[in-house]
Amino acid sequence: MQQPSFTTDWFSHNIPTWEQVISPHLRSLPSPKVLEVGAFEGRSSVWLLQNFPALRLTVIDPWAFTNDASEDTFKRFKNNVAPYSERVSVMKGKSQLMRSLPDREFDLVYIDGEHTSAAVIHDAVLGFELLKVGGLMIFDDYQGGDKTVMYPKPAVDFFHQAYGALNRLELISDSYQRIYRKTDGIAPPQY
């Protein structure tokens, strides 16, 4: 099998948390289904596919950057996931494609697309509706970003407040990434 090829590593520092939090969840499922919004070169995609042989992965990414690297990055992603192609569905486009997914339920949704707060809240709301009760949602770069425009934290905090008030989620990991479990409880309105 061909070795994956990457030019950057924005993922490996998350592996200890993923092994502690994500791995037990995915191992408890016979055939986990994962939605990844934003994949770049596929480092997290490859990690998931290597570690969970029954996992099926759906990836959405426009691979559209402001420089000439877009097509090279997409080719690198395709080459990196090629050994697992029978378990990967790739949708090249913006995250609005979540609305048209034929598979409407996922065990894990990983939000790592556009990092503006407006885009993150959009992806969170769409992704949460596709997440099974008991499933996990990961927000990348919660503690990162440039704290100006490309900053997911305000959107994740709003998501936590809005859905937490309805008892629809539980915070299970609060580190560089935020990880939530979807719950089924909806608090009755208080009049």
Protein backbone atom coordinates (compact mmCIF):
# COMPACT_ATOMS: atom_id res chain seq x y z
CA MET A 1 0.00 0.00 0.00
CA GLN A 2 1.25 3.46 -0.94
CA GLN A 3 2.23 5.71 1.96
CA PRO A 4 0.14 8.88 2.37
CA SER A 5 1.81 12.16 1.43
CA PHE A 6 1.18 15.35 3.40
CA THR A 7 2.69 18.84 3.28
CA THR A 8 1.35 19.97 6.68
CA ASP A 9 0.30 18.43 9.97
CA TRP A 10 -2.56 20.20 11.66
CA PHE A 11 -4.02 16.96 13.01
CA SER A 12 -1.55 14.75 14.91
CA HIS A 13 -1.68 16.83 18.10
CA ASN A 14 -5.36 15.78 18.36
CA ILE A 15 -4.67 12.03 18.26
CA PRO A 16 -4.34 11.52 22.05
CA THR A 17 -7.79 13.08 22.59
CA TRP A 18 -9.26 11.13 19.68
CA GLU A 19 -7.83 7.87 21.07
CA GLN A 20 -9.34 8.63 24.47
CA VAL A 21 -12.73 10.01 23.36
CA ILE A 22 -13.47 9.14 19.72
CA SER A 23 -11.99 5.64 19.48
CA PRO A 24 -14.17 4.02 22.19
CA HIS A 25 -17.28 5.49 20.57
CA LEU A 26 -16.41 4.28 17.07
CA ARG A 27 -15.24 0.85 18.30
CA SER A 28 -18.61 0.32 19.97
CA LEU A 29 -20.34 0.46 16.57
CA PRO A 30 -20.40 -2.36 14.00
CA SER A 31 -20.10 -0.05 10.97
CA PRO A 32 -19.58 3.58 12.01
CA LYS A 33 -20.55 6.34 9.60
CA VAL A 34 -18.55 9.56 9.73
CA LEU A 35 -19.10 12.93 8.05
CA GLU A 36 -16.02 15.13 7.69
CA VAL A 37 -16.62 18.75 6.65
CA GLY A 38 -13.25 20.05 5.49
CA ALA A 39 -10.46 17.56 4.81
CA PHE A 40 -7.58 19.41 3.14
CA GLU A 41 -5.02 16.66 2.36
CA GLY A 42 -6.88 13.99 4.32
CA ARG A 43 -4.67 13.45 7.35
CA SER A 44 -7.62 12.96 9.72
CA SER A 45 -9.47 10.99 7.02
CA VAL A 46 -6.57 8.55 6.68
CA TRP A 47 -6.28 8.20 10.46
CA LEU A 48 -9.98 7.29 10.72
CA LEU A 49 -9.85 4.86 7.80
CA GLN A 50 -6.67 3.17 9.05
CA ASN A 51 -7.91 2.73 12.60
CA PHE A 52 -11.51 1.65 11.95
CA PRO A 53 -11.70 -0.95 9.14
CA ALA A 54 -15.53 -1.00 9.06
CA LEU A 55 -15.86 2.80 9.01
CA ARG A 56 -17.59 4.55 6.11
CA LEU A 57 -16.51 8.13 5.52
CA THR A 58 -18.28 10.96 3.70
CA VAL A 59 -16.09 14.01 3.01
CA ILE A 60 -17.25 17.45 1.89
CA ASP A 61 -14.67 20.06 0.91
CA PRO A 62 -14.51 22.60 -1.93
CA TRP A 63 -10.71 22.34 -2.17
CA ALA A 64 -10.88 25.95 -3.31
CA PHE A 65 -8.13 28.13 -1.92
CA THR A 66 -6.99 31.59 -2.90
CA ASN A 67 -3.76 30.33 -4.43
CA ASP A 68 -2.88 27.75 -7.08
CA ALA A 69 -2.65 24.93 -4.55
CA SER A 70 -6.33 23.91 -4.77
CA GLU A 71 -6.04 21.25 -7.46
CA ASP A 72 -2.76 19.89 -6.07
CA THR A 73 -4.31 19.61 -2.61
CA PHE A 74 -7.37 17.80 -3.98
CA LYS A 75 -5.14 15.36 -5.92
CA ARG A 76 -3.08 14.74 -2.79
CA PHE A 77 -6.26 14.07 -0.81
CA LYS A 78 -7.53 11.63 -3.46
CA ASN A 79 -4.18 9.79 -3.52
CA ASN A 80 -4.07 9.63 0.28
CA VAL A 81 -7.52 8.03 0.59
CA ALA A 82 -7.21 5.89 -2.57
CA PRO A 83 -6.38 2.68 -0.65
CA TYR A 84 -9.75 3.05 1.12
CA SER A 85 -11.77 4.28 -1.87
CA GLU A 86 -14.51 1.68 -1.41
CA ARG A 87 -15.27 3.19 2.02
CA VAL A 88 -15.01 6.89 1.11
CA SER A 89 -17.57 9.14 -0.55
CA VAL A 90 -16.10 12.46 -1.68
CA MET A 91 -18.22 15.51 -2.43
CA LYS A 92 -16.26 18.43 -3.88
CA GLY A 93 -18.18 21.56 -2.97
CA LYS A 94 -19.31 23.80 -0.13
CA SER A 95 -20.81 22.51 3.08
CA GLN A 96 -24.34 23.24 1.85
CA LEU A 97 -23.98 19.83 0.20
CA MET A 98 -24.89 18.39 3.61
CA ARG A 99 -28.51 19.18 2.70
CA SER A 100 -28.39 16.76 -0.23
CA LEU A 101 -26.62 13.82 1.38
CA PRO A 102 -28.37 10.52 0.64
CA ASP A 103 -27.14 9.13 3.97
CA ARG A 104 -28.93 11.21 6.58
CA GLU A 105 -27.51 9.76 9.82
CA PHE A 106 -23.94 9.78 11.07
CA ASP A 107 -22.25 8.49 14.23
CA LEU A 108 -19.60 11.22 14.09
CA VAL A 109 -19.57 14.66 12.45
CA TYR A 110 -16.23 16.46 12.25
CA ILE A 111 -16.48 20.21 11.55
CA ASP A 112 -13.19 21.49 10.13
CA GLY A 113 -14.25 23.52 7.10
CA GLU A 114 -14.23 27.27 6.70
CA HIS A 115 -13.22 28.82 10.04
CA THR A 116 -15.24 32.04 10.08
CA SER A 117 -17.80 32.06 12.89
CA ALA A 118 -20.65 32.44 10.38
CA ALA A 119 -19.52 29.37 8.44
CA VAL A 120 -18.92 27.31 11.60
CA ILE A 121 -22.42 27.93 13.00
CA HIS A 122 -23.90 27.09 9.59
CA ASP A 123 -21.94 23.82 9.46
CA ALA A 124 -22.80 23.04 13.08
CA VAL A 125 -26.56 23.39 12.59
CA LEU A 126 -26.58 21.34 9.37
CA GLY A 127 -24.24 18.71 10.80
CA PHE A 128 -26.14 18.38 14.07
CA GLU A 129 -29.33 17.48 12.21
CA LEU A 130 -27.44 14.63 10.50
CA LEU A 131 -25.94 13.35 13.75
CA LYS A 132 -27.55 10.34 15.42
CA VAL A 133 -28.61 10.64 19.05
CA GLY A 134 -25.57 9.46 21.00
CA GLY A 135 -23.27 10.52 18.16
CA LEU A 136 -20.28 12.80 18.55
CA MET A 137 -19.62 16.20 16.98
CA ILE A 138 -16.07 17.58 16.85
CA PHE A 139 -15.23 21.24 16.30
CA ASP A 140 -11.64 21.74 15.19
CA ASP A 141 -9.54 24.72 16.25
CA TYR A 142 -11.80 25.74 19.14
CA GLN A 143 -8.73 27.02 21.00
CA GLY A 144 -6.95 28.11 17.80
CA GLY A 145 -7.49 30.51 14.97
CA ASP A 146 -6.29 34.05 14.50
CA LYS A 147 -8.97 35.50 16.82
CA THR A 148 -10.19 37.91 14.16
CA VAL A 149 -12.14 36.64 11.17
CA MET A 150 -10.99 33.00 11.06
CA TYR A 151 -12.06 32.08 14.57
CA PRO A 152 -14.49 29.21 15.29
CA LYS A 153 -14.76 29.77 19.07
CA PRO A 154 -17.62 32.35 19.10
CA ALA A 155 -19.73 30.10 16.87
CA VAL A 156 -19.01 27.00 18.96
CA ASP A 157 -19.84 28.91 22.15
CA PHE A 158 -23.15 30.04 20.61
CA PHE A 159 -23.91 26.48 19.48
CA HIS A 160 -23.18 25.24 23.02
CA GLN A 161 -25.48 27.85 24.54
CA ALA A 162 -28.35 27.36 22.07
CA TYR A 163 -28.40 23.56 21.93
CA GLY A 164 -27.29 23.13 25.53
CA ALA A 165 -30.32 25.14 26.69
CA LEU A 166 -32.48 22.51 24.98
CA ASN A 167 -30.58 19.65 26.64
CA ARG A 168 -29.64 18.37 23.18
CA LEU A 169 -25.92 18.01 23.77
CA GLU A 170 -23.32 17.12 26.34
CA LEU A 171 -19.78 18.53 26.33
CA ILE A 172 -17.44 15.55 26.61
CA SER A 173 -14.06 17.07 25.74
CA ASP A 174 -12.88 20.65 26.06
CA SER A 175 -9.37 21.03 24.71
CA TYR A 176 -7.97 22.38 21.46
CA GLN A 177 -11.02 20.77 19.89
CA ARG A 178 -14.51 20.79 21.40
CA ILE A 179 -16.33 17.45 21.34
CA TYR A 180 -20.04 17.02 22.09
CA ARG A 181 -22.39 14.06 22.37
CA LYS A 182 -25.89 14.55 20.96
CA THR A 183 -28.59 13.79 23.52
CA ASP A 184 -32.31 13.39 22.94
CA GLY A 185 -33.68 15.49 25.78
CA ILE A 186 -35.50 18.68 24.97
CA ALA A 187 -36.26 20.93 27.88
CA PRO A 188 -39.86 22.13 28.02
CA PRO A 189 -40.32 25.86 27.50
CA GLN A 190 -40.50 27.89 30.70
CA TYR A 191 -43.40 30.37 30.71
